[in-house]
PDB file of N, CA and C in Angstrom:
ATOM      1  N   MET A   1       1.135  -1.263  -0.168  1.00  0.00           N
ATOM      2  CA  MET A   1      -0.010  -0.131   0.129  1.00  0.00           C
ATOM      3  C   MET A   1       0.562   1.145  -0.056  1.00  0.00           C
ATOM      4  N   ALA A   2       0.937   2.298  -1.165  1.00  0.00           N
ATOM      5  CA  ALA A   2       1.687   3.113  -1.101  1.00  0.00           C
ATOM      6  C   ALA A   2       0.906   4.319  -0.648  1.00  0.00           C
ATOM      7  N   VAL A   3       1.537   5.158   0.573  1.00  0.00           N
ATOM      8  CA  VAL A   3       0.439   6.117   1.219  1.00  0.00           C
ATOM      9  C   VAL A   3       1.253   7.392   0.642  1.00  0.00           C
ATOM     10  N   LYS A   4       0.442   8.385   0.696  1.00  0.00           N
ATOM     11  CA  LYS A   4       0.429   9.644   0.163  1.00  0.00           C
ATOM     12  C   LYS A   4       0.209  10.755   0.869  1.00  0.00           C
ATOM     13  N   ILE A   5       1.179  11.713   1.352  1.00  0.00           N
ATOM     14  CA  ILE A   5       0.312  13.029   2.201  1.00  0.00           C
ATOM     15  C   ILE A   5      -0.209  13.992   0.841  1.00  0.00           C
ATOM     16  N   ARG A   6      -0.885  14.101   0.676  1.00  0.00           N
ATOM     17  CA  ARG A   6      -1.736  14.988  -0.809  1.00  0.00           C
ATOM     18  C   ARG A   6      -2.855  15.915  -0.002  1.00  0.00           C
ATOM     19  N   LEU A   7      -3.236  17.049  -1.130  1.00  0.00           N
ATOM     20  CA  LEU A   7      -4.164  17.857  -1.007  1.00  0.00           C
ATOM     21  C   LEU A   7      -5.561  17.211  -1.313  1.00  0.00           C
ATOM     22  N   LYS A   8      -6.577  17.913  -0.744  1.00  0.00           N
ATOM     23  CA  LYS A   8      -7.927  17.274  -1.076  1.00  0.00           C
ATOM     24  C   LYS A   8      -8.863  18.718  -1.398  1.00  0.00           C
ATOM     25  N   ARG A   9      -9.246  19.264  -2.353  1.00  0.00           N
ATOM     26  CA  ARG A   9      -9.832  20.289  -3.182  1.00  0.00           C
ATOM     27  C   ARG A   9     -11.240  20.170  -2.351  1.00  0.00           C
ATOM     28  N   MET A  10     -11.796  21.202  -1.927  1.00  0.00           N
ATOM     29  CA  MET A  10     -12.636  21.470  -0.941  1.00  0.00           C
ATOM     30  C   MET A  10     -13.084  22.792  -1.665  1.00  0.00           C
ATOM     31  N   GLY A  11     -14.274  23.706  -1.014  1.00  0.00           N
ATOM     32  CA  GLY A  11     -14.783  25.012  -1.803  1.00  0.00           C
ATOM     33  C   GLY A  11     -15.365  25.124  -3.085  1.00  0.00           C
ATOM     34  N   SER A  12     -16.063  25.973  -3.067  1.00  0.00           N
ATOM     35  CA  SER A  12     -16.848  26.193  -4.445  1.00  0.00           C
ATOM     36  C   SER A  12     -15.716  26.712  -5.461  1.00  0.00           C
ATOM     37  N   LYS A  13     -16.648  26.849  -6.563  1.00  0.00           N
ATOM     38  CA  LYS A  13     -15.863  27.170  -8.182  1.00  0.00           C
ATOM     39  C   LYS A  13     -14.949  28.018  -7.909  1.00  0.00           C
ATOM     40  N   LYS A  14     -13.986  28.333  -8.491  1.00  0.00           N
ATOM     41  CA  LYS A  14     -12.768  29.519  -8.204  1.00  0.00           C
ATOM     42  C   LYS A  14     -12.851  29.768  -7.058  1.00  0.00           C
ATOM     43  N   ALA A  15     -12.870  29.163  -5.817  1.00  0.00           N
ATOM     44  CA  ALA A  15     -12.774  29.468  -4.595  1.00  0.00           C
ATOM     45  C   ALA A  15     -12.188  28.269  -3.562  1.00  0.00           C
ATOM     46  N   PRO A  16     -11.072  28.075  -4.097  1.00  0.00           N
ATOM     47  CA  PRO A  16     -10.312  26.340  -3.754  1.00  0.00           C
ATOM     48  C   PRO A  16     -10.083  26.847  -2.442  1.00  0.00           C
ATOM     49  N   PHE A  17     -10.470  25.490  -1.124  1.00  0.00           N
ATOM     50  CA  PHE A  17      -9.763  25.382  -0.160  1.00  0.00           C
ATOM     51  C   PHE A  17      -9.458  23.985   0.027  1.00  0.00           C
ATOM     52  N   TYR A  18      -7.913  23.659   0.728  1.00  0.00           N
ATOM     53  CA  TYR A  18      -7.544  22.631   0.722  1.00  0.00           C
ATOM     54  C   TYR A  18      -7.373  21.747   1.729  1.00  0.00           C
ATOM     55  N   ARG A  19      -7.725  20.559   2.224  1.00  0.00           N
ATOM     56  CA  ARG A  19      -7.320  19.657   3.311  1.00  0.00           C
ATOM     57  C   ARG A  19      -5.872  18.987   2.873  1.00  0.00           C
ATOM     58  N   LEU A  20      -5.070  18.832   3.948  1.00  0.00           N
ATOM     59  CA  LEU A  20      -4.321  18.047   3.784  1.00  0.00           C
ATOM     60  C   LEU A  20      -4.336  16.368   4.039  1.00  0.00           C
ATOM     61  N   VAL A  21      -4.420  15.683   3.843  1.00  0.00           N
ATOM     62  CA  VAL A  21      -4.903  14.315   4.480  1.00  0.00           C
ATOM     63  C   VAL A  21      -3.933  13.407   3.881  1.00  0.00           C
ATOM     64  N   VAL A  22      -3.934  12.125   4.747  1.00  0.00           N
ATOM     65  CA  VAL A  22      -3.143  10.987   4.415  1.00  0.00           C
ATOM     66  C   VAL A  22      -3.971  10.195   3.417  1.00  0.00           C
ATOM     67  N   ALA A  23      -3.335   9.255   2.324  1.00  0.00           N
ATOM     68  CA  ALA A  23      -4.478   8.459   1.725  1.00  0.00           C
ATOM     69  C   ALA A  23      -3.574   7.574   0.895  1.00  0.00           C
ATOM     70  N   ASP A  24      -4.160   6.783   0.697  1.00  0.00           N
ATOM     71  CA  ASP A  24      -3.704   5.502  -0.467  1.00  0.00           C
ATOM     72  C   ASP A  24      -3.519   6.101  -1.498  1.00  0.00           C
ATOM     73  N   SER A  25      -2.581   6.058  -2.263  1.00  0.00           N
ATOM     74  CA  SER A  25      -2.522   6.684  -3.566  1.00  0.00           C
ATOM     75  C   SER A  25      -3.375   5.948  -4.782  1.00  0.00           C
ATOM     76  N   ARG A  26      -3.960   4.928  -4.556  1.00  0.00           N
ATOM     77  CA  ARG A  26      -4.893   4.629  -5.293  1.00  0.00           C
ATOM     78  C   ARG A  26      -6.265   4.902  -5.320  1.00  0.00           C
ATOM     79  N   TYR A  27      -6.594   5.493  -4.345  1.00  0.00           N
ATOM     80  CA  TYR A  27      -7.502   6.450  -4.127  1.00  0.00           C
ATOM     81  C   TYR A  27      -8.006   7.557  -5.149  1.00  0.00           C
ATOM     82  N   PRO A  28      -9.122   7.980  -5.470  1.00  0.00           N
ATOM     83  CA  PRO A  28      -9.271   9.573  -6.061  1.00  0.00           C
ATOM     84  C   PRO A  28      -8.844  10.501  -5.174  1.00  0.00           C
ATOM     85  N   ARG A  29      -8.213  11.877  -6.006  1.00  0.00           N
ATOM     86  CA  ARG A  29      -7.924  12.972  -5.203  1.00  0.00           C
ATOM     87  C   ARG A  29      -9.121  13.334  -4.153  1.00  0.00           C
ATOM     88  N   ASP A  30     -10.355  13.535  -4.392  1.00  0.00           N
ATOM     89  CA  ASP A  30     -11.149  13.921  -3.327  1.00  0.00           C
ATOM     90  C   ASP A  30     -12.001  12.639  -2.670  1.00  0.00           C
ATOM     91  N   GLY A  31     -11.166  11.586  -3.024  1.00  0.00           N
ATOM     92  CA  GLY A  31     -12.307  10.161  -2.177  1.00  0.00           C
ATOM     93  C   GLY A  31     -11.547   9.998  -0.913  1.00  0.00           C
ATOM     94  N   ARG A  32     -11.494   8.887  -0.893  1.00  0.00           N
ATOM     95  CA  ARG A  32     -11.239   8.049   0.948  1.00  0.00           C
ATOM     96  C   ARG A  32     -10.201   8.739   1.451  1.00  0.00           C
ATOM     97  N   PHE A  33      -9.812   8.741   2.257  1.00  0.00           N
ATOM     98  CA  PHE A  33      -8.710   9.113   3.136  1.00  0.00           C
ATOM     99  C   PHE A  33      -8.078   8.129   4.018  1.00  0.00           C
ATOM    100  N   ILE A  34      -7.228   8.297   5.096  1.00  0.00           N
ATOM    101  CA  ILE A  34      -6.800   7.725   6.450  1.00  0.00           C
ATOM    102  C   ILE A  34      -7.197   8.970   7.373  1.00  0.00           C
ATOM    103  N   GLU A  35      -6.218   9.892   7.135  1.00  0.00           N
ATOM    104  CA  GLU A  35      -6.270  10.704   8.272  1.00  0.00           C
ATOM    105  C   GLU A  35      -6.356  12.006   7.645  1.00  0.00           C
ATOM    106  N   GLU A  36      -6.777  12.913   7.852  1.00  0.00           N
ATOM    107  CA  GLU A  36      -6.806  14.257   8.032  1.00  0.00           C
ATOM    108  C   GLU A  36      -5.599  15.292   8.665  1.00  0.00           C
ATOM    109  N   ILE A  37      -4.529  15.861   7.891  1.00  0.00           N
ATOM    110  CA  ILE A  37      -3.473  16.500   9.269  1.00  0.00           C
ATOM    111  C   ILE A  37      -3.511  17.827   8.907  1.00  0.00           C
ATOM    112  N   GLY A  38      -4.036  18.517   8.182  1.00  0.00           N
ATOM    113  CA  GLY A  38      -4.157  19.719   8.067  1.00  0.00           C
ATOM    114  C   GLY A  38      -5.073  20.904   7.020  1.00  0.00           C
ATOM    115  N   TYR A  39      -4.783  21.798   7.027  1.00  0.00           N
ATOM    116  CA  TYR A  39      -5.570  22.934   5.783  1.00  0.00           C
ATOM    117  C   TYR A  39      -4.800  23.648   5.355  1.00  0.00           C
ATOM    118  N   TYR A  40      -4.742  24.176   4.450  1.00  0.00           N
ATOM    119  CA  TYR A  40      -4.372  25.220   2.862  1.00  0.00           C
ATOM    120  C   TYR A  40      -5.400  25.858   2.481  1.00  0.00           C
ATOM    121  N   ASP A  41      -5.415  27.176   2.553  1.00  0.00           N
ATOM    122  CA  ASP A  41      -6.528  28.191   1.844  1.00  0.00           C
ATOM    123  C   ASP A  41      -5.557  29.057   1.145  1.00  0.00           C
ATOM    124  N   PRO A  42      -5.454  28.886  -0.250  1.00  0.00           N
ATOM    125  CA  PRO A  42      -4.418  30.208  -0.685  1.00  0.00           C
ATOM    126  C   PRO A  42      -5.443  31.249  -1.544  1.00  0.00           C
ATOM    127  N   THR A  43      -6.767  31.448  -1.025  1.00  0.00           N
ATOM    128  CA  THR A  43      -7.081  32.571  -1.279  1.00  0.00           C
ATOM    129  C   THR A  43      -6.919  33.884  -0.252  1.00  0.00           C
ATOM    130  N   LYS A  44      -6.479  33.364   0.943  1.00  0.00           N
ATOM    131  CA  LYS A  44      -6.242  34.794   1.594  1.00  0.00           C
ATOM    132  C   LYS A  44      -5.009  34.977   1.536  1.00  0.00           C
ATOM    133  N   GLU A  45      -4.841  36.065   1.505  1.00  0.00           N
ATOM    134  CA  GLU A  45      -3.711  36.820   1.867  1.00  0.00           C
ATOM    135  C   GLU A  45      -2.957  37.420   3.014  1.00  0.00           C
ATOM    136  N   PRO A  46      -2.023  36.682   3.590  1.00  0.00           N
ATOM    137  CA  PRO A  46      -1.207  35.723   2.847  1.00  0.00           C
ATOM    138  C   PRO A  46      -1.796  34.532   3.222  1.00  0.00           C
ATOM    139  N   SER A  47      -1.285  33.311   2.244  1.00  0.00           N
ATOM    140  CA  SER A  47      -2.279  32.274   2.436  1.00  0.00           C
ATOM    141  C   SER A  47      -2.113  31.234   3.740  1.00  0.00           C
ATOM    142  N   VAL A  48      -3.135  30.932   4.465  1.00  0.00           N
ATOM    143  CA  VAL A  48      -3.421  30.356   5.462  1.00  0.00           C
ATOM    144  C   VAL A  48      -2.950  28.864   5.469  1.00  0.00           C
ATOM    145  N   VAL A  49      -2.205  28.348   6.428  1.00  0.00           N
ATOM    146  CA  VAL A  49      -1.687  27.006   6.622  1.00  0.00           C
ATOM    147  C   VAL A  49      -1.699  26.547   8.009  1.00  0.00           C
ATOM    148  N   SER A  50      -2.532  25.807   8.107  1.00  0.00           N
ATOM    149  CA  SER A  50      -2.675  24.695   9.315  1.00  0.00           C
ATOM    150  C   SER A  50      -2.083  23.229   9.169  1.00  0.00           C
ATOM    151  N   VAL A  51      -1.090  23.074  10.088  1.00  0.00           N
ATOM    152  CA  VAL A  51      -0.852  21.412   9.812  1.00  0.00           C
ATOM    153  C   VAL A  51      -0.512  21.115  11.020  1.00  0.00           C
ATOM    154  N   ASP A  52      -0.738  19.912  11.429  1.00  0.00           N
ATOM    155  CA  ASP A  52      -0.650  19.204  12.957  1.00  0.00           C
ATOM    156  C   ASP A  52       0.945  18.476  12.556  1.00  0.00           C
ATOM    157  N   ALA A  53       1.938  19.231  13.123  1.00  0.00           N
ATOM    158  CA  ALA A  53       3.167  18.816  12.355  1.00  0.00           C
ATOM    159  C   ALA A  53       3.654  17.343  13.027  1.00  0.00           C
ATOM    160  N   GLU A  54       3.137  17.165  14.632  1.00  0.00           N
ATOM    161  CA  GLU A  54       2.915  15.997  15.071  1.00  0.00           C
ATOM    162  C   GLU A  54       2.743  14.669  14.214  1.00  0.00           C
ATOM    163  N   LYS A  55       1.533  14.736  13.797  1.00  0.00           N
ATOM    164  CA  LYS A  55       1.177  13.636  12.922  1.00  0.00           C
ATOM    165  C   LYS A  55       2.061  13.812  11.578  1.00  0.00           C
ATOM    166  N   ALA A  56       2.254  14.680  11.097  1.00  0.00           N
ATOM    167  CA  ALA A  56       2.812  15.059  10.012  1.00  0.00           C
ATOM    168  C   ALA A  56       3.908  13.882  10.226  1.00  0.00           C
ATOM    169  N   LYS A  57       5.033  14.129  10.991  1.00  0.00           N
ATOM    170  CA  LYS A  57       6.122  13.324  10.923  1.00  0.00           C
ATOM    171  C   LYS A  57       5.907  12.048  11.140  1.00  0.00           C
ATOM    172  N   ALA A  58       5.208  11.732  12.022  1.00  0.00           N
ATOM    173  CA  ALA A  58       4.888  10.616  12.527  1.00  0.00           C
ATOM    174  C   ALA A  58       4.143   9.775  11.079  1.00  0.00           C
ATOM    175  N   TRP A  59       3.631  10.189  10.261  1.00  0.00           N
ATOM    176  CA  TRP A  59       3.311   9.516   9.216  1.00  0.00           C
ATOM    177  C   TRP A  59       4.676   9.450   8.099  1.00  0.00           C
ATOM    178  N   ILE A  60       5.484  10.460   8.386  1.00  0.00           N
ATOM    179  CA  ILE A  60       6.660  10.519   7.052  1.00  0.00           C
ATOM    180  C   ILE A  60       7.659   9.243   7.504  1.00  0.00           C
ATOM    181  N   ALA A  61       7.225   9.253   9.135  1.00  0.00           N
ATOM    182  CA  ALA A  61       8.258   8.140   9.575  1.00  0.00           C
ATOM    183  C   ALA A  61       7.739   6.894   9.475  1.00  0.00           C
ATOM    184  N   LYS A  62       6.278   6.392   9.160  1.00  0.00           N
ATOM    185  CA  LYS A  62       5.755   5.297   8.661  1.00  0.00           C
ATOM    186  C   LYS A  62       5.866   5.070   7.591  1.00  0.00           C
ATOM    187  N   GLY A  63       6.718   6.091   6.683  1.00  0.00           N
ATOM    188  CA  GLY A  63       6.519   5.936   5.059  1.00  0.00           C
ATOM    189  C   GLY A  63       5.985   6.657   3.904  1.00  0.00           C
ATOM    190  N   ALA A  64       5.344   7.249   4.425  1.00  0.00           N
ATOM    191  CA  ALA A  64       3.990   8.212   3.865  1.00  0.00           C
ATOM    192  C   ALA A  64       4.925   9.101   2.940  1.00  0.00           C
ATOM    193  N   GLN A  65       4.683   9.444   1.308  1.00  0.00           N
ATOM    194  CA  GLN A  65       5.559  10.131   0.885  1.00  0.00           C
ATOM    195  C   GLN A  65       4.550  11.366   0.441  1.00  0.00           C
ATOM    196  N   PRO A  66       5.003  12.712   0.816  1.00  0.00           N
ATOM    197  CA  PRO A  66       4.519  13.829   0.551  1.00  0.00           C
ATOM    198  C   PRO A  66       4.470  14.066  -1.155  1.00  0.00           C
ATOM    199  N   THR A  67       3.780  15.097  -1.840  1.00  0.00           N
ATOM    200  CA  THR A  67       3.647  15.195  -2.789  1.00  0.00           C
ATOM    201  C   THR A  67       4.262  16.609  -3.315  1.00  0.00           C
ATOM    202  N   GLU A  68       4.756  16.936  -4.198  1.00  0.00           N
ATOM    203  CA  GLU A  68       5.498  18.063  -4.580  1.00  0.00           C
ATOM    204  C   GLU A  68       5.189  19.186  -3.690  1.00  0.00           C
ATOM    205  N   THR A  69       3.910  19.448  -3.641  1.00  0.00           N
ATOM    206  CA  THR A  69       2.854  21.021  -3.162  1.00  0.00           C
ATOM    207  C   THR A  69       3.225  20.657  -1.624  1.00  0.00           C
ATOM    208  N   VAL A  70       2.933  19.349  -0.981  1.00  0.00           N
ATOM    209  CA  VAL A  70       2.812  19.512   0.391  1.00  0.00           C
ATOM    210  C   VAL A  70       4.251  19.622   0.743  1.00  0.00           C
ATOM    211  N   LYS A  71       4.973  19.090  -0.110  1.00  0.00           N
ATOM    212  CA  LYS A  71       6.302  18.738   0.122  1.00  0.00           C
ATOM    213  C   LYS A  71       6.967  20.574   0.385  1.00  0.00           C
ATOM    214  N   SER A  72       6.385  21.183  -0.203  1.00  0.00           N
ATOM    215  CA  SER A  72       6.940  22.589  -0.416  1.00  0.00           C
ATOM    216  C   SER A  72       5.924  23.738   0.778  1.00  0.00           C
ATOM    217  N   ILE A  73       4.996  22.772   0.892  1.00  0.00           N
ATOM    218  CA  ILE A  73       3.979  23.769   2.309  1.00  0.00           C
ATOM    219  C   ILE A  73       5.011  23.490   3.747  1.00  0.00           C
ATOM    220  N   PHE A  74       5.261  21.969   3.625  1.00  0.00           N
ATOM    221  CA  PHE A  74       5.938  21.506   5.007  1.00  0.00           C
ATOM    222  C   PHE A  74       7.421  22.387   4.998  1.00  0.00           C
ATOM    223  N   LYS A  75       8.258  22.708   4.067  1.00  0.00           N
ATOM    224  CA  LYS A  75       9.509  23.567   4.074  1.00  0.00           C
ATOM    225  C   LYS A  75       8.771  24.522   4.315  1.00  0.00           C
ATOM    226  N   LYS A  76       8.302  25.080   4.433  1.00  0.00           N
ATOM    227  CA  LYS A  76       7.646  26.550   4.460  1.00  0.00           C
ATOM    228  C   LYS A  76       7.285  26.308   5.895  1.00  0.00           C
ATOM    229  N   ASN A  77       6.843  25.731   6.523  1.00  0.00           N
ATOM    230  CA  ASN A  77       6.533  25.627   7.818  1.00  0.00           C
ATOM    231  C   ASN A  77       7.621  24.690   8.872  1.00  0.00           C
ATOM    232  N   ASP A  78       8.766  24.778   7.993  1.00  0.00           N
ATOM    233  CA  ASP A  78       9.614  23.855   9.285  1.00  0.00           C
ATOM    234  C   ASP A  78       9.159  22.476   9.668  1.00  0.00           C
ATOM    235  N   ILE A  79       8.367  21.498   8.873  1.00  0.00           N
ATOM    236  CA  ILE A  79       8.087  20.456   9.362  1.00  0.00           C
ATOM    237  C   ILE A  79       9.073  19.350   8.465  1.00  0.00           C
ATOM    238  N   LEU A  80       9.523  19.709   7.682  1.00  0.00           N
ATOM    239  CA  LEU A  80      10.853  18.787   7.123  1.00  0.00           C
ATOM    240  C   LEU A  80      11.988  19.253   7.246  1.00  0.00           C
TER     241      LEU A  80
END
């Protein structure tokens, strides 16, 4: 089972809001997930990010791979 940490798109058309979730890579983008670890709102200025760092580090230690976008969010918040 390949586990990814990725963004789940929420919100209405032209007003995206994302949740950071841990999901099996075989599931669709907005489908089933294992655990929610935070959120990201790019529509605000500056963009709002909230991540549970303990859960994120625990999942990375278990072998979960963050996507490129999530990896950059983690670097900005000093999680990686």
